[in-house]
Amino acid sequence: MGIDYQYARRTNANRKELMSSYELGGGREQSKVLTTPLSKENYRDAFYVVIVDLSAPHSLIDSLTFWLEEIRKQVALFNNEQFISA
């Protein structure tokens, strides 16, 4: 439960590159932890992947919608925009 952090480094044409990966686990109760890997400085360079539990297909759309809305809310805060639910 919580956040699992992993990273990979490589050097490409004399340029060092770093990729960080955060995996959030624990369900909706952990949604506030999104503020840990996302910051105003890095959110524009982030790549978001939402993975849902296919063992419960009846909740797939609800879960996906929830997590996309949580990400949108966080990005809206960084942009200092009023969040409007779609």
C-alpha atoms as a PDB file:
ATOM      1  CA  MET A   1       0.000   0.000   0.000  1.00  0.00           C
ATOM      2  CA  GLY A   2       1.168   3.505  -0.690  1.00  0.00           C
ATOM      3  CA  ILE A   3       3.805   4.402  -3.276  1.00  0.00           C
ATOM      4  CA  ASP A   4       6.434   2.178  -4.829  1.00  0.00           C
ATOM      5  CA  TYR A   5       9.304   4.129  -6.410  1.00  0.00           C
ATOM      6  CA  GLN A   6      11.688   2.839  -9.049  1.00  0.00           C
ATOM      7  CA  TYR A   7      14.093   4.578 -11.390  1.00  0.00           C
ATOM      8  CA  ALA A   8      16.316   3.897 -14.386  1.00  0.00           C
ATOM      9  CA  ARG A   9      19.358   5.815 -15.594  1.00  0.00           C
ATOM     10  CA  ARG A  10      21.157   5.818 -18.898  1.00  0.00           C
ATOM     11  CA  THR A  11      23.666   7.912 -20.756  1.00  0.00           C
ATOM     12  CA  ASN A  12      22.793   8.748 -24.328  1.00  0.00           C
ATOM     13  CA  ALA A  13      25.217  10.775 -26.484  1.00  0.00           C
ATOM     14  CA  ASN A  14      26.957  12.244 -23.431  1.00  0.00           C
ATOM     15  CA  ARG A  15      23.599  13.154 -21.918  1.00  0.00           C
ATOM     16  CA  LYS A  16      22.441  11.567 -18.688  1.00  0.00           C
ATOM     17  CA  GLU A  17      18.767  10.658 -18.528  1.00  0.00           C
ATOM     18  CA  LEU A  18      16.710   9.631 -15.517  1.00  0.00           C
ATOM     19  CA  MET A  19      13.265   8.046 -15.556  1.00  0.00           C
ATOM     20  CA  SER A  20      11.326   7.823 -12.320  1.00  0.00           C
ATOM     21  CA  SER A  21       8.357   5.503 -11.874  1.00  0.00           C
ATOM     22  CA  TYR A  22       5.804   5.767  -9.081  1.00  0.00           C
ATOM     23  CA  GLU A  23       3.202   3.087  -8.518  1.00  0.00           C
ATOM     24  CA  LEU A  24       0.308   4.034  -6.292  1.00  0.00           C
ATOM     25  CA  GLY A  25      -1.407   1.165  -4.516  1.00  0.00           C
ATOM     26  CA  GLY A  26      -4.114   0.871  -1.913  1.00  0.00           C
ATOM     27  CA  GLY A  27      -7.213   2.045  -3.697  1.00  0.00           C
ATOM     28  CA  ARG A  28      -9.084   5.307  -3.566  1.00  0.00           C
ATOM     29  CA  GLU A  29      -8.132   5.921   0.035  1.00  0.00           C
ATOM     30  CA  GLN A  30      -4.609   6.606  -1.236  1.00  0.00           C
ATOM     31  CA  SER A  31      -5.610   9.224  -3.818  1.00  0.00           C
ATOM     32  CA  LYS A  32      -4.190  12.087  -1.745  1.00  0.00           C
ATOM     33  CA  VAL A  33      -0.749  10.522  -2.175  1.00  0.00           C
ATOM     34  CA  LEU A  34      -0.787  11.758  -5.798  1.00  0.00           C
ATOM     35  CA  THR A  35       0.756  14.976  -4.500  1.00  0.00           C
ATOM     36  CA  THR A  36       3.960  13.098  -3.636  1.00  0.00           C
ATOM     37  CA  PRO A  37       5.237  12.265  -7.151  1.00  0.00           C
ATOM     38  CA  LEU A  38       3.587  15.240  -8.870  1.00  0.00           C
ATOM     39  CA  SER A  39       4.863  18.763  -8.414  1.00  0.00           C
ATOM     40  CA  LYS A  40       4.397  22.074 -10.166  1.00  0.00           C
ATOM     41  CA  GLU A  41       7.915  21.666 -11.547  1.00  0.00           C
ATOM     42  CA  ASN A  42       7.488  18.186 -13.070  1.00  0.00           C
ATOM     43  CA  TYR A  43       3.833  17.562 -13.918  1.00  0.00           C
ATOM     44  CA  ARG A  44       4.163  18.820 -17.513  1.00  0.00           C
ATOM     45  CA  ASP A  45       6.917  16.266 -18.208  1.00  0.00           C
ATOM     46  CA  ALA A  46       5.060  13.413 -16.525  1.00  0.00           C
ATOM     47  CA  PHE A  47       3.542  10.457 -18.318  1.00  0.00           C
ATOM     48  CA  TYR A  48       0.446   9.111 -16.571  1.00  0.00           C
ATOM     49  CA  VAL A  49      -0.618   5.485 -16.814  1.00  0.00           C
ATOM     50  CA  VAL A  50      -3.829   4.365 -15.143  1.00  0.00           C
ATOM     51  CA  ILE A  51      -4.164   0.625 -14.650  1.00  0.00           C
ATOM     52  CA  VAL A  52      -7.473  -0.789 -13.478  1.00  0.00           C
ATOM     53  CA  ASP A  53      -8.403  -4.138 -11.962  1.00  0.00           C
ATOM     54  CA  LEU A  54      -9.940  -6.325 -14.661  1.00  0.00           C
ATOM     55  CA  SER A  55     -11.010  -8.917 -12.111  1.00  0.00           C
ATOM     56  CA  ALA A  56     -13.872  -6.559 -11.268  1.00  0.00           C
ATOM     57  CA  PRO A  57     -15.153  -5.479 -14.721  1.00  0.00           C
ATOM     58  CA  HIS A  58     -18.329  -3.986 -13.263  1.00  0.00           C
ATOM     59  CA  SER A  59     -16.261  -1.254 -11.574  1.00  0.00           C
ATOM     60  CA  LEU A  60     -13.825  -0.596 -14.428  1.00  0.00           C
ATOM     61  CA  ILE A  61     -15.395   2.620 -15.796  1.00  0.00           C
ATOM     62  CA  ASP A  62     -16.040   3.996 -12.314  1.00  0.00           C
ATOM     63  CA  SER A  63     -12.435   3.365 -11.236  1.00  0.00           C
ATOM     64  CA  LEU A  64     -10.954   4.787 -14.414  1.00  0.00           C
ATOM     65  CA  THR A  65     -13.122   7.896 -14.189  1.00  0.00           C
ATOM     66  CA  PHE A  66     -12.196   8.404 -10.532  1.00  0.00           C
ATOM     67  CA  TRP A  67      -8.441   8.291 -11.149  1.00  0.00           C
ATOM     68  CA  LEU A  68      -8.562  10.476 -14.256  1.00  0.00           C
ATOM     69  CA  GLU A  69     -10.546  13.075 -12.305  1.00  0.00           C
ATOM     70  CA  GLU A  70      -8.013  12.969  -9.453  1.00  0.00           C
ATOM     71  CA  ILE A  71      -5.166  13.593 -11.898  1.00  0.00           C
ATOM     72  CA  ARG A  72      -7.121  16.420 -13.571  1.00  0.00           C
ATOM     73  CA  LYS A  73      -7.773  18.060 -10.202  1.00  0.00           C
ATOM     74  CA  GLN A  74      -4.092  17.974  -9.308  1.00  0.00           C
ATOM     75  CA  VAL A  75      -3.038  19.404 -12.681  1.00  0.00           C
ATOM     76  CA  ALA A  76      -5.675  22.151 -12.392  1.00  0.00           C
ATOM     77  CA  LEU A  77      -4.243  23.134  -9.018  1.00  0.00           C
ATOM     78  CA  PHE A  78      -0.776  23.431 -10.548  1.00  0.00           C
ATOM     79  CA  ASN A  79      -2.192  25.572 -13.349  1.00  0.00           C
ATOM     80  CA  ASN A  80      -4.099  27.714 -10.827  1.00  0.00           C
ATOM     81  CA  GLU A  81      -7.276  27.060 -12.758  1.00  0.00           C
ATOM     82  CA  GLN A  82     -10.739  26.418 -11.459  1.00  0.00           C
ATOM     83  CA  PHE A  83     -11.423  22.685 -11.788  1.00  0.00           C
ATOM     84  CA  ILE A  84     -14.611  21.982 -13.657  1.00  0.00           C
ATOM     85  CA  SER A  85     -15.858  18.403 -13.710  1.00  0.00           C
ATOM     86  CA  ALA A  86     -16.554  17.075 -17.196  1.00  0.00           C
END
